[in-house]
Amino acid sequence: MYHDEQLTTSRSKAGWRIPQWQNDSGLSRSTVYNLLTAKAIESVKVGKCRIITTSPADYLASLKQS
């Protein structure tokens, strides 16, 4: 899959489990948990499962604006 196609696919998803978000963003597991704790990325809890609702592409794009 080409990089642009991957970003388009990532942005069209509604939610990611932590390992998926970690893989798509290229960040470490501990960094993802730190971002969740700091509320830098949004998530919801469904049963025992944490679903991140901020796309990795949107989060990384927001870093360019800072």
N, C-alpha and C. Protein backbone atom coordinates (compact mmCIF):
# COMPACT_ATOMS: atom_id res chain seq x y z
N MET A 1 0.84 -1.17 0.00
CA MET A 1 0.00 0.00 0.00
C MET A 1 0.89 1.24 0.00
N TYR A 2 0.56 2.20 -0.79
CA TYR A 2 1.32 3.45 -0.86
C TYR A 2 1.06 4.28 0.38
N HIS A 3 2.00 5.14 0.73
CA HIS A 3 1.91 5.97 1.93
C HIS A 3 0.64 6.82 1.93
N ASP A 4 0.31 7.47 0.81
CA ASP A 4 -0.89 8.32 0.73
C ASP A 4 -2.16 7.51 0.93
N GLU A 5 -2.19 6.30 0.37
CA GLU A 5 -3.36 5.44 0.54
C GLU A 5 -3.51 5.04 1.99
N GLN A 6 -2.39 4.77 2.67
CA GLN A 6 -2.43 4.38 4.06
C GLN A 6 -2.98 5.53 4.91
N LEU A 7 -2.56 6.76 4.66
CA LEU A 7 -3.07 7.90 5.41
C LEU A 7 -4.56 8.09 5.17
N THR A 8 -5.01 7.93 3.94
CA THR A 8 -6.43 8.06 3.63
C THR A 8 -7.22 7.00 4.37
N THR A 9 -6.74 5.77 4.38
CA THR A 9 -7.41 4.69 5.08
C THR A 9 -7.44 4.97 6.57
N SER A 10 -6.32 5.45 7.13
CA SER A 10 -6.26 5.73 8.55
C SER A 10 -7.24 6.82 8.95
N ARG A 11 -7.40 7.84 8.14
CA ARG A 11 -8.30 8.94 8.48
C ARG A 11 -9.76 8.54 8.36
N SER A 12 -10.07 7.52 7.56
CA SER A 12 -11.47 7.15 7.37
C SER A 12 -11.95 6.17 8.45
N LYS A 13 -11.06 5.63 9.26
CA LYS A 13 -11.46 4.74 10.34
C LYS A 13 -12.07 5.56 11.47
N ALA A 14 -12.95 4.93 12.22
CA ALA A 14 -13.59 5.61 13.34
C ALA A 14 -12.80 5.42 14.63
N GLY A 15 -12.07 4.32 14.75
CA GLY A 15 -11.35 4.07 15.99
C GLY A 15 -10.26 3.02 15.83
N TRP A 16 -9.30 3.09 16.72
CA TRP A 16 -8.14 2.20 16.71
C TRP A 16 -7.95 1.62 18.10
N ARG A 17 -7.60 0.35 18.19
CA ARG A 17 -7.14 -0.21 19.44
C ARG A 17 -5.71 0.27 19.62
N ILE A 18 -5.22 0.22 20.83
CA ILE A 18 -3.91 0.80 21.13
C ILE A 18 -2.80 0.22 20.24
N PRO A 19 -2.70 -1.10 20.07
CA PRO A 19 -1.62 -1.61 19.20
C PRO A 19 -1.74 -1.14 17.75
N GLN A 20 -2.97 -1.00 17.25
CA GLN A 20 -3.17 -0.52 15.88
C GLN A 20 -2.72 0.94 15.76
N TRP A 21 -3.11 1.77 16.73
CA TRP A 21 -2.75 3.19 16.71
C TRP A 21 -1.24 3.33 16.81
N GLN A 22 -0.65 2.54 17.68
CA GLN A 22 0.80 2.54 17.85
C GLN A 22 1.49 2.20 16.54
N ASN A 23 1.02 1.18 15.86
CA ASN A 23 1.61 0.76 14.60
C ASN A 23 1.43 1.83 13.52
N ASP A 24 0.24 2.40 13.42
CA ASP A 24 -0.04 3.41 12.40
C ASP A 24 0.71 4.71 12.63
N SER A 25 0.96 5.04 13.91
CA SER A 25 1.64 6.30 14.22
C SER A 25 3.16 6.16 14.26
N GLY A 26 3.64 4.94 14.51
CA GLY A 26 5.08 4.73 14.64
C GLY A 26 5.61 5.10 16.01
N LEU A 27 4.72 5.33 16.97
CA LEU A 27 5.12 5.70 18.32
C LEU A 27 5.15 4.47 19.22
N SER A 28 5.87 4.56 20.32
CA SER A 28 5.97 3.44 21.25
C SER A 28 4.69 3.30 22.06
N ARG A 29 4.51 2.13 22.63
CA ARG A 29 3.34 1.85 23.46
C ARG A 29 3.27 2.82 24.64
N SER A 30 4.41 3.05 25.30
CA SER A 30 4.41 3.94 26.46
C SER A 30 4.08 5.38 26.04
N THR A 31 4.52 5.80 24.87
CA THR A 31 4.19 7.14 24.39
C THR A 31 2.69 7.27 24.13
N VAL A 32 2.08 6.23 23.56
CA VAL A 32 0.63 6.25 23.32
C VAL A 32 -0.11 6.38 24.65
N TYR A 33 0.30 5.61 25.66
CA TYR A 33 -0.35 5.71 26.96
C TYR A 33 -0.13 7.09 27.59
N ASN A 34 1.05 7.67 27.41
CA ASN A 34 1.31 9.02 27.92
C ASN A 34 0.41 10.04 27.24
N LEU A 35 0.21 9.89 25.92
CA LEU A 35 -0.68 10.78 25.19
C LEU A 35 -2.12 10.65 25.67
N LEU A 36 -2.54 9.43 25.97
CA LEU A 36 -3.89 9.22 26.51
C LEU A 36 -4.03 9.86 27.88
N THR A 37 -3.04 9.69 28.73
CA THR A 37 -3.07 10.27 30.08
C THR A 37 -3.11 11.79 30.01
N ALA A 38 -2.34 12.36 29.08
CA ALA A 38 -2.28 13.82 28.93
C ALA A 38 -3.48 14.37 28.16
N LYS A 39 -4.35 13.47 27.70
CA LYS A 39 -5.52 13.85 26.89
C LYS A 39 -5.13 14.57 25.60
N ALA A 40 -3.95 14.20 25.07
CA ALA A 40 -3.50 14.74 23.79
C ALA A 40 -4.20 14.03 22.63
N ILE A 41 -4.68 12.81 22.90
CA ILE A 41 -5.49 12.07 21.93
C ILE A 41 -6.74 11.60 22.66
N GLU A 42 -7.84 11.51 21.92
CA GLU A 42 -9.12 11.15 22.52
C GLU A 42 -9.39 9.66 22.40
N SER A 43 -10.13 9.15 23.39
CA SER A 43 -10.47 7.73 23.36
C SER A 43 -11.78 7.50 24.10
N VAL A 44 -12.35 6.34 23.86
CA VAL A 44 -13.54 5.90 24.58
C VAL A 44 -13.28 4.48 25.07
N LYS A 45 -14.02 4.09 26.08
CA LYS A 45 -13.90 2.74 26.60
C LYS A 45 -15.16 1.97 26.22
N VAL A 46 -14.97 0.82 25.60
CA VAL A 46 -16.09 -0.05 25.23
C VAL A 46 -15.84 -1.37 25.94
N GLY A 47 -16.60 -1.61 26.99
CA GLY A 47 -16.33 -2.77 27.83
C GLY A 47 -14.96 -2.60 28.45
N LYS A 48 -14.08 -3.57 28.22
CA LYS A 48 -12.70 -3.49 28.72
C LYS A 48 -11.73 -2.96 27.68
N CYS A 49 -12.24 -2.64 26.51
CA CYS A 49 -11.40 -2.24 25.39
C CYS A 49 -11.33 -0.71 25.26
N ARG A 50 -10.12 -0.18 25.13
CA ARG A 50 -9.90 1.25 24.92
C ARG A 50 -9.81 1.48 23.42
N ILE A 51 -10.64 2.38 22.89
CA ILE A 51 -10.64 2.71 21.46
C ILE A 51 -10.21 4.17 21.32
N ILE A 52 -9.14 4.39 20.58
CA ILE A 52 -8.65 5.75 20.34
C ILE A 52 -9.41 6.31 19.15
N THR A 53 -9.99 7.50 19.32
CA THR A 53 -10.81 8.09 18.26
C THR A 53 -10.09 9.20 17.49
N THR A 54 -8.93 9.61 17.95
CA THR A 54 -8.12 10.59 17.22
C THR A 54 -7.26 9.80 16.23
N SER A 55 -7.32 10.13 14.96
CA SER A 55 -6.53 9.38 13.99
C SER A 55 -5.04 9.69 14.18
N PRO A 56 -4.19 8.70 13.94
CA PRO A 56 -2.75 8.94 14.03
C PRO A 56 -2.31 10.06 13.09
N ALA A 57 -2.88 10.10 11.89
CA ALA A 57 -2.51 11.13 10.91
C ALA A 57 -2.89 12.52 11.41
N ASP A 58 -4.07 12.65 12.02
CA ASP A 58 -4.49 13.94 12.55
C ASP A 58 -3.61 14.38 13.72
N TYR A 59 -3.26 13.44 14.59
CA TYR A 59 -2.39 13.79 15.71
C TYR A 59 -1.03 14.26 15.21
N LEU A 60 -0.44 13.49 14.29
CA LEU A 60 0.89 13.86 13.79
C LEU A 60 0.84 15.17 13.02
N ALA A 61 -0.24 15.43 12.29
CA ALA A 61 -0.39 16.70 11.57
C ALA A 61 -0.49 17.86 12.56
N SER A 62 -1.11 17.62 13.72
CA SER A 62 -1.25 18.69 14.71
C SER A 62 0.11 19.10 15.29
N LEU A 63 1.08 18.21 15.25
CA LEU A 63 2.42 18.54 15.75
C LEU A 63 3.13 19.54 14.85
N LYS A 64 2.80 19.51 13.56
CA LYS A 64 3.40 20.46 12.62
C LYS A 64 2.91 21.88 12.89
N GLN A 65 1.69 22.01 13.39
CA GLN A 65 1.09 23.31 13.62
C GLN A 65 1.59 23.96 14.91
N SER A 66 2.15 23.17 15.80
CA SER A 66 2.62 23.70 17.09
C SER A 66 3.91 24.46 16.97
